[in-house]
Amino acid sequence: MNATISMDALYTFLKSLSLGSDNERWLAGKLLDDADAQQEGETEYISKEEILAGIDDGLKELKLAREGKLKLKSAEDLLEELRSEH
């Protein structure tokens, strides 16, 4: 099973992040790279179980953060981490 989201919903979500122009250009580049890879047949699929496990992990982290037991990363820190992995 593949997870899907409408393009409009995804676009609305990304626009709500207020990332700044440099981060928006970087994100646009990553999306284009991914689209090019998919056209070349390098599409990766995630199973339903993997999606549910990811959601479960995220909800557990959110609960810990709300209890003050876990400090969450800022959007800027997350983007910087993603940049350094490439």
C-alpha atoms as a PDB file:
ATOM      1  CA  MET A   1       0.000   0.000   0.000  1.00  0.00           C
ATOM      2  CA  ASN A   2       1.292   3.460  -0.870  1.00  0.00           C
ATOM      3  CA  ALA A   3       0.537   6.590   1.142  1.00  0.00           C
ATOM      4  CA  THR A   4      -0.783   9.476  -0.917  1.00  0.00           C
ATOM      5  CA  ILE A   5      -1.524  13.135  -0.346  1.00  0.00           C
ATOM      6  CA  SER A   6      -3.026  15.575  -2.784  1.00  0.00           C
ATOM      7  CA  MET A   7      -0.597  17.963  -4.414  1.00  0.00           C
ATOM      8  CA  ASP A   8      -2.670  20.903  -3.198  1.00  0.00           C
ATOM      9  CA  ALA A   9      -2.513  19.692   0.406  1.00  0.00           C
ATOM     10  CA  LEU A  10       1.229  19.144   0.170  1.00  0.00           C
ATOM     11  CA  TYR A  11       1.774  22.571  -1.367  1.00  0.00           C
ATOM     12  CA  THR A  12      -0.346  24.242   1.308  1.00  0.00           C
ATOM     13  CA  PHE A  13       1.606  22.464   4.044  1.00  0.00           C
ATOM     14  CA  LEU A  14       4.982  23.440   2.591  1.00  0.00           C
ATOM     15  CA  LYS A  15       3.937  27.075   2.163  1.00  0.00           C
ATOM     16  CA  SER A  16       2.861  27.164   5.825  1.00  0.00           C
ATOM     17  CA  LEU A  17       6.390  26.344   7.028  1.00  0.00           C
ATOM     18  CA  SER A  18       7.873  29.821   6.382  1.00  0.00           C
ATOM     19  CA  LEU A  19      11.249  28.333   5.525  1.00  0.00           C
ATOM     20  CA  GLY A  20      12.838  31.362   3.866  1.00  0.00           C
ATOM     21  CA  SER A  21      13.876  31.684   0.240  1.00  0.00           C
ATOM     22  CA  ASP A  22      17.151  29.706   0.501  1.00  0.00           C
ATOM     23  CA  ASN A  23      15.418  26.772   2.168  1.00  0.00           C
ATOM     24  CA  GLU A  24      12.519  26.937  -0.275  1.00  0.00           C
ATOM     25  CA  ARG A  25      14.962  26.789  -3.222  1.00  0.00           C
ATOM     26  CA  TRP A  26      16.764  23.847  -1.596  1.00  0.00           C
ATOM     27  CA  LEU A  27      13.458  22.017  -1.011  1.00  0.00           C
ATOM     28  CA  ALA A  28      12.334  22.674  -4.585  1.00  0.00           C
ATOM     29  CA  GLY A  29      15.623  21.236  -5.838  1.00  0.00           C
ATOM     30  CA  LYS A  30      15.195  18.109  -3.712  1.00  0.00           C
ATOM     31  CA  LEU A  31      11.655  17.605  -5.002  1.00  0.00           C
ATOM     32  CA  LEU A  32      12.850  17.936  -8.592  1.00  0.00           C
ATOM     33  CA  ASP A  33      15.700  15.483  -7.956  1.00  0.00           C
ATOM     34  CA  ASP A  34      13.229  12.997  -6.513  1.00  0.00           C
ATOM     35  CA  ALA A  35      10.858  13.440  -9.450  1.00  0.00           C
ATOM     36  CA  ASP A  36      13.737  12.837 -11.879  1.00  0.00           C
ATOM     37  CA  ALA A  37      14.759   9.683  -9.984  1.00  0.00           C
ATOM     38  CA  GLN A  38      11.197   8.358 -10.126  1.00  0.00           C
ATOM     39  CA  GLN A  39      11.076   8.895 -13.870  1.00  0.00           C
ATOM     40  CA  GLU A  40      14.247   6.816 -14.143  1.00  0.00           C
ATOM     41  CA  GLY A  41      12.533   3.896 -12.395  1.00  0.00           C
ATOM     42  CA  GLU A  42      14.167   4.342  -8.985  1.00  0.00           C
ATOM     43  CA  THR A  43      10.872   4.602  -7.135  1.00  0.00           C
ATOM     44  CA  GLU A  44      10.957   3.338  -3.553  1.00  0.00           C
ATOM     45  CA  TYR A  45       7.858   2.002  -1.851  1.00  0.00           C
ATOM     46  CA  ILE A  46       6.985   1.954   1.827  1.00  0.00           C
ATOM     47  CA  SER A  47       4.769  -0.775   3.206  1.00  0.00           C
ATOM     48  CA  LYS A  48       1.639  -0.092   5.210  1.00  0.00           C
ATOM     49  CA  GLU A  49       3.394  -1.508   8.286  1.00  0.00           C
ATOM     50  CA  GLU A  50       6.331   0.886   7.863  1.00  0.00           C
ATOM     51  CA  ILE A  51       3.983   3.847   7.535  1.00  0.00           C
ATOM     52  CA  LEU A  52       2.042   2.858  10.645  1.00  0.00           C
ATOM     53  CA  ALA A  53       5.265   2.265  12.590  1.00  0.00           C
ATOM     54  CA  GLY A  54       6.498   5.735  11.585  1.00  0.00           C
ATOM     55  CA  ILE A  55       3.251   7.335  12.708  1.00  0.00           C
ATOM     56  CA  ASP A  56       3.418   5.418  15.997  1.00  0.00           C
ATOM     57  CA  ASP A  57       7.008   6.561  16.592  1.00  0.00           C
ATOM     58  CA  GLY A  58       6.064  10.149  15.806  1.00  0.00           C
ATOM     59  CA  LEU A  59       3.137  10.113  18.216  1.00  0.00           C
ATOM     60  CA  LYS A  60       5.334   8.652  20.956  1.00  0.00           C
ATOM     61  CA  GLU A  61       7.901  11.420  20.384  1.00  0.00           C
ATOM     62  CA  LEU A  62       5.156  14.038  20.478  1.00  0.00           C
ATOM     63  CA  LYS A  63       3.892  12.658  23.799  1.00  0.00           C
ATOM     64  CA  LEU A  64       7.416  12.761  25.267  1.00  0.00           C
ATOM     65  CA  ALA A  65       7.886  16.327  24.027  1.00  0.00           C
ATOM     66  CA  ARG A  66       4.611  17.443  25.576  1.00  0.00           C
ATOM     67  CA  GLU A  67       5.690  15.850  28.863  1.00  0.00           C
ATOM     68  CA  GLY A  68       8.962  17.794  28.686  1.00  0.00           C
ATOM     69  CA  LYS A  69      11.030  14.609  28.348  1.00  0.00           C
ATOM     70  CA  LEU A  70      12.200  15.257  24.777  1.00  0.00           C
ATOM     71  CA  LYS A  71      13.359  18.416  23.022  1.00  0.00           C
ATOM     72  CA  LEU A  72      12.213  18.614  19.416  1.00  0.00           C
ATOM     73  CA  LYS A  73      14.346  19.980  16.555  1.00  0.00           C
ATOM     74  CA  SER A  74      13.452  23.244  14.894  1.00  0.00           C
ATOM     75  CA  ALA A  75      12.566  23.234  11.191  1.00  0.00           C
ATOM     76  CA  GLU A  76      15.870  24.982  10.459  1.00  0.00           C
ATOM     77  CA  ASP A  77      17.861  22.279  12.303  1.00  0.00           C
ATOM     78  CA  LEU A  78      15.998  19.552  10.446  1.00  0.00           C
ATOM     79  CA  LEU A  79      16.682  21.152   7.060  1.00  0.00           C
ATOM     80  CA  GLU A  80      20.362  21.578   7.924  1.00  0.00           C
ATOM     81  CA  GLU A  81      20.572  17.908   8.905  1.00  0.00           C
ATOM     82  CA  LEU A  82      18.954  16.882   5.623  1.00  0.00           C
ATOM     83  CA  ARG A  83      21.376  19.082   3.672  1.00  0.00           C
ATOM     84  CA  SER A  84      24.403  17.525   5.366  1.00  0.00           C
ATOM     85  CA  GLU A  85      23.213  13.993   4.481  1.00  0.00           C
ATOM     86  CA  HIS A  86      23.286  14.763   0.779  1.00  0.00           C
END
